[in-house]
Amino acid sequence: MEVSRHWRLKKQRYALQGEVCPHCSVKIFPPRDICPDCGLDARTPFQFSGRGEVYSFTTVRDAPEGHSEQVPYTVALVRLEEGPLVTAQLTDLDQQDVEIGLPVEMVTRKLRSDGERGMLVYGYKFRPLLRPAA
């Protein structure tokens, strides 16, 4: 992936920024510009809390190219407090501790590196909730 695309996705990947529809108030992640609920323009930025709970999960044992050093790892569907489902890797926990309903929070972690001397790619992952909701 080229540097310019990483730059464009920075708010989404590092801060979990999406959009909210000004017409029906649906929270959208990832940003789509058009509301999937009402079909109207939805370009209003929205900052997600980064908290949610595990909705579903699986363990990856045969990883795609570039991720083999991480196996086995857990990927989950996380239902954010604001509603959207997000697919992300779980981190900072033992696989046997994962369960549906586990409270989690977003953290920024290394996703991969592009080649031996290439760019490091960071993005969001989720870990068990360490701090109580404010």
Protein backbone atom coordinates (compact mmCIF):
# COMPACT_ATOMS: atom_id res chain seq x y z
CA MET A 1 0.00 0.00 0.00
CA GLU A 2 1.40 3.38 -0.94
CA VAL A 3 2.31 6.11 1.57
CA SER A 4 -0.42 8.48 0.35
CA ARG A 5 -3.15 5.93 1.14
CA HIS A 6 -1.78 5.42 4.66
CA TRP A 7 -1.89 9.18 5.14
CA ARG A 8 -5.55 9.38 4.01
CA LEU A 9 -6.56 6.57 6.39
CA LYS A 10 -4.66 8.00 9.39
CA LYS A 11 -7.70 9.25 11.36
CA GLN A 12 -9.60 6.03 10.73
CA ARG A 13 -6.71 3.72 11.65
CA TYR A 14 -5.18 5.61 14.57
CA ALA A 15 -8.17 7.34 16.14
CA LEU A 16 -11.16 5.21 15.05
CA GLN A 17 -12.79 8.20 13.38
CA GLY A 18 -15.87 7.49 11.29
CA GLU A 19 -18.95 9.44 10.30
CA VAL A 20 -22.42 10.16 11.61
CA CYS A 21 -25.44 10.68 9.39
CA PRO A 22 -26.92 14.14 10.10
CA HIS A 23 -30.29 12.89 8.82
CA CYS A 24 -30.88 9.70 10.84
CA SER A 25 -27.99 9.80 13.40
CA VAL A 26 -26.56 6.39 12.39
CA LYS A 27 -22.88 6.06 13.29
CA ILE A 28 -20.79 4.75 10.37
CA PHE A 29 -17.46 2.91 10.43
CA PRO A 30 -15.49 2.73 8.27
CA PRO A 31 -16.48 6.08 6.71
CA ARG A 32 -18.56 5.71 3.54
CA ASP A 33 -19.88 9.25 2.85
CA ILE A 34 -23.34 7.80 2.13
CA CYS A 35 -25.45 6.50 5.00
CA PRO A 36 -26.11 2.75 4.64
CA ASP A 37 -29.36 3.22 6.59
CA CYS A 38 -31.13 6.12 4.84
CA GLY A 39 -28.98 6.55 1.69
CA LEU A 40 -28.36 10.27 2.21
CA ASP A 41 -25.09 12.21 2.41
CA ALA A 42 -23.24 11.45 5.66
CA ARG A 43 -19.87 13.21 5.62
CA THR A 44 -19.98 14.52 9.19
CA PRO A 45 -16.90 13.24 11.11
CA PHE A 46 -17.59 11.25 14.27
CA GLN A 47 -15.07 10.18 16.90
CA PHE A 48 -15.81 6.72 18.27
CA SER A 49 -15.01 6.01 21.92
CA GLY A 50 -12.95 2.94 21.01
CA ARG A 51 -14.82 0.81 23.55
CA GLY A 52 -17.03 -2.13 22.78
CA GLU A 53 -17.43 -5.86 23.29
CA VAL A 54 -16.54 -9.03 21.43
CA TYR A 55 -19.49 -10.02 19.25
CA SER A 56 -17.79 -13.05 17.62
CA PHE A 57 -14.23 -14.33 17.19
CA THR A 58 -11.98 -16.92 15.60
CA THR A 59 -8.37 -18.00 15.90
CA VAL A 60 -6.17 -17.71 12.81
CA ARG A 61 -3.61 -20.50 12.56
CA ASP A 62 -2.71 -20.28 8.86
CA ALA A 63 -2.04 -16.58 8.30
CA PRO A 64 -1.82 -14.77 4.98
CA GLU A 65 1.55 -13.62 3.65
CA GLY A 66 3.12 -10.97 5.84
CA HIS A 67 1.36 -12.11 9.04
CA SER A 68 2.86 -15.56 9.59
CA GLU A 69 5.09 -14.39 12.47
CA GLN A 70 1.94 -13.58 14.49
CA VAL A 71 0.18 -16.98 14.33
CA PRO A 72 -1.83 -18.07 16.11
CA TYR A 73 -3.81 -14.87 16.66
CA THR A 74 -7.43 -14.00 17.36
CA VAL A 75 -9.60 -11.89 15.08
CA ALA A 76 -12.91 -10.60 16.39
CA LEU A 77 -16.02 -8.77 15.37
CA VAL A 78 -16.26 -5.99 17.94
CA ARG A 79 -19.57 -4.22 18.50
CA LEU A 80 -18.60 -0.63 19.33
CA GLU A 81 -20.58 1.17 22.06
CA GLU A 82 -21.97 3.43 19.34
CA GLY A 83 -23.29 0.48 17.28
CA PRO A 84 -21.07 -0.46 14.30
CA LEU A 85 -19.35 -3.85 14.05
CA VAL A 86 -15.59 -3.65 13.45
CA THR A 87 -13.29 -6.51 12.45
CA ALA A 88 -9.97 -6.37 14.27
CA GLN A 89 -7.22 -8.46 15.82
CA LEU A 90 -7.33 -8.93 19.59
CA THR A 91 -4.12 -8.30 21.50
CA ASP A 92 -2.73 -8.35 25.05
CA LEU A 93 -4.61 -11.50 26.11
CA ASP A 94 -4.41 -15.27 26.08
CA GLN A 95 -6.58 -16.95 23.46
CA GLN A 96 -8.35 -19.05 26.08
CA ASP A 97 -9.53 -15.82 27.79
CA VAL A 98 -11.53 -14.64 24.77
CA GLU A 99 -15.31 -14.94 25.06
CA ILE A 100 -18.34 -13.35 23.50
CA GLY A 101 -19.28 -10.25 25.48
CA LEU A 102 -15.70 -9.53 26.62
CA PRO A 103 -15.38 -5.73 27.11
CA VAL A 104 -12.56 -4.36 24.93
CA GLU A 105 -10.92 -1.07 24.00
CA MET A 106 -9.08 0.10 20.91
CA VAL A 107 -5.29 0.41 20.95
CA THR A 108 -2.84 1.35 18.21
CA ARG A 109 -0.42 -1.42 17.34
CA LYS A 110 1.91 -2.47 14.52
CA LEU A 111 -0.01 -4.31 11.81
CA ARG A 112 2.91 -5.19 9.53
CA SER A 113 6.04 -3.87 7.84
CA ASP A 114 6.35 -3.45 4.10
CA GLY A 115 9.59 -5.30 3.33
CA GLU A 116 12.83 -5.50 5.24
CA ARG A 117 13.50 -1.76 5.02
CA GLY A 118 9.95 -0.66 4.28
CA MET A 119 7.41 1.41 6.09
CA LEU A 120 5.92 0.17 9.37
CA VAL A 121 2.13 0.06 9.18
CA TYR A 122 0.18 0.76 12.36
CA GLY A 123 -3.53 0.55 12.98
CA TYR A 124 -6.18 -0.36 15.49
CA LYS A 125 -6.47 -3.58 17.43
CA PHE A 126 -8.52 -4.28 20.54
CA ARG A 127 -7.46 -5.44 24.01
CA PRO A 128 -9.45 -6.29 27.14
CA LEU A 129 -10.82 -3.13 28.75
CA LEU A 130 -8.30 -1.81 31.29
CA ARG A 131 -10.05 1.38 32.38
CA PRO A 132 -13.68 1.86 33.34
CA ALA A 133 -15.99 3.82 31.03
CA ALA A 134 -16.19 7.51 31.96
